[in-house]
Amino acid sequence: MKITETTFNNFRCFNQYEIKYGTETTVFIGKNGTGKSSVLSGIRRGLSFMFAKPKEYAKNLSISNNAKVRSYQKDEANFDPINRVYNYPIENKFKAIFFNEELNWSMIKKTQTGGYSTNYYKDILHSVLSYYNENLKAELPILAVITDSFPHQMINFGNKVKKTVDSDILPRDLGYYGWDERTNCIELWLQRFYKVSNFEKDLNDEIRAVQLQIELLNSKSLASSIKYSDDSPRFAKATHYHISIEVLNKRLEYLYSDKRANLFNHERLFIENKLLEFTKPLSEDLSFINKEFELFRVAVNRSYSKDYTIEFNFKDGRAISFETLPMGYKRMFSIIIDIAYRSYILNQGIESTGVVLIDEIELHLHPTLQQEILQRLKRTFPNIQFIVTTHSPLVISNFKSDNKNRIIKLEHDGNYYYNEEVDNIYGIDYNTGLTEIMGAKYRESELEKLIDSIVILTKFGKTEQANQIKNELIDIAGENNKYIEVEINKRLKQNNKAN
């Protein structure tokens, strides 16, 4: 599943609004209030058609999850400020590629009190569900929404889903659980990771314990059979040892044949390898950048009998639990775990296709990671279409635009909203990205004006007035801001040289 085009009519701030997407990556930029979040919300509504439940199909995609068709809220119709009314119908149109088939559908709400007109997405719903029902092992597209509150807001899990996650074999459609919620499912996936990791450890511990018991009984049996005759009670005890050893050997055989071991190991390694792949340097030449970010192992640490955590072991020697990760790391690793687990549950470890929406992808990230985040995501999940928003020029400075990867700038003039595709800007510097692309025009800040005033007053010997302004500057910038002091002294020296 890849979104190729959307048209939003009478939806939120949009009267009529068309967007064409890159099939690999689309990055939305624009000032606050230009409609970035509304676009993501519209896409979420559009993709939710997959979770309708027509009676003619034995299987649908919303049996083991909470996914459903998402309708528009009453206040999501476009508002006409002149006539002071909400405009209907809301008519959002979508085009997508679904395993080489082009799909066209609409999500239409004709009146404020009405529901969706199902006829406008009925045909493609049948295309998707017939595809699934004809081959229950066919690949399913991953869908996920990462909001700006991820992973802070936790979802309230019911006992049913907790019990399902604790099952040995998971239903496929569990991979869509909470896919479009503002809350997140990371605790659910961590619970699952604890289970499969601990099973492997517990199984190996039990195998080793049984082996030790067999070794001990073998030595006792040998000693008894050598020292005593056939009619001795001690010899009878040796026979008892043999019987016990046979029982233990059967137990050992059962443990070795437990198919869950291979299944759980495969699942654990898939999640771990995605995390390791994400943190690897983008190239050997650039391995010195963010080298402290690279992992070499991810494991479950069981400090108490019922208290688990994931421990991230970094190549520089640090070991940090999930709960104490820096917030930027925590958000990124949570995103990787969420996408990886949805992919694994849906498709058992193959590289899934699908659509992932991420709002404010740069949140909590150091500038060097902001520059790399998109490349890392695309390398880790090469078949997934990422549709993201950002306020950071660093995110797009390393982004190569082409037919499959696009930067779309959202703008508005009053109530008229429009967008334009940004040309390839790969390699631009920060200031150019900030001013030319993001639209943050250079202007003399209040601090600049105050520093200039201090220099001028000092030049003309008005020391008392210069000190008063300097105190005002300290109030704004902070008493320990050494950079302000350095800048003042530098400009005073430059001024003295000029004279």
Foldseek 3Di string as FASTA:
>chain_A
DFWAKKWWDQFALDNTAIDGAFRAEEEEFADPPLQQVVVVVLVVLVVLLQQDDDPVAPDGLPDLADRHRDWDALNGGHADVVVGDGDDWTKMWTWDADPNDIDIFIFIDGDSPGTTPCVRCVVVSCVVRVVCRVPVQDFDFQAAEAEPCPAVAADDDDPSNLVQLLDLAHALSNLCHPRPPNYDDLVSLVSSLCNLQVVLVVLVVVLVVLVVLLVVLVVQLVVQPVPDDCPDPSPVVSVVSVVVNVVSVVVNVVSVPPPSNVLSVLLNCLLFVLLQLLQQDPDPVCCVQSVQSHFDTWHWDDPDPPDIWIWTAHPVGDIDTLVPDQPLSNRLSSVSSSRSVSNCSNNNRDQHEHEYEYEANCPRHDLSCLLCVSVSVCRSRVRYYYYYYHHALSNLQQPADDSNYWYKYWDADVSRTYIDTDHGNHNDDRVCSVCVPNPPNDDQDPLNVLLVVLLVCVVVPVNVVSVVSVVVSCVVPPVPPVVSVVVSVVVNVVVVVVD
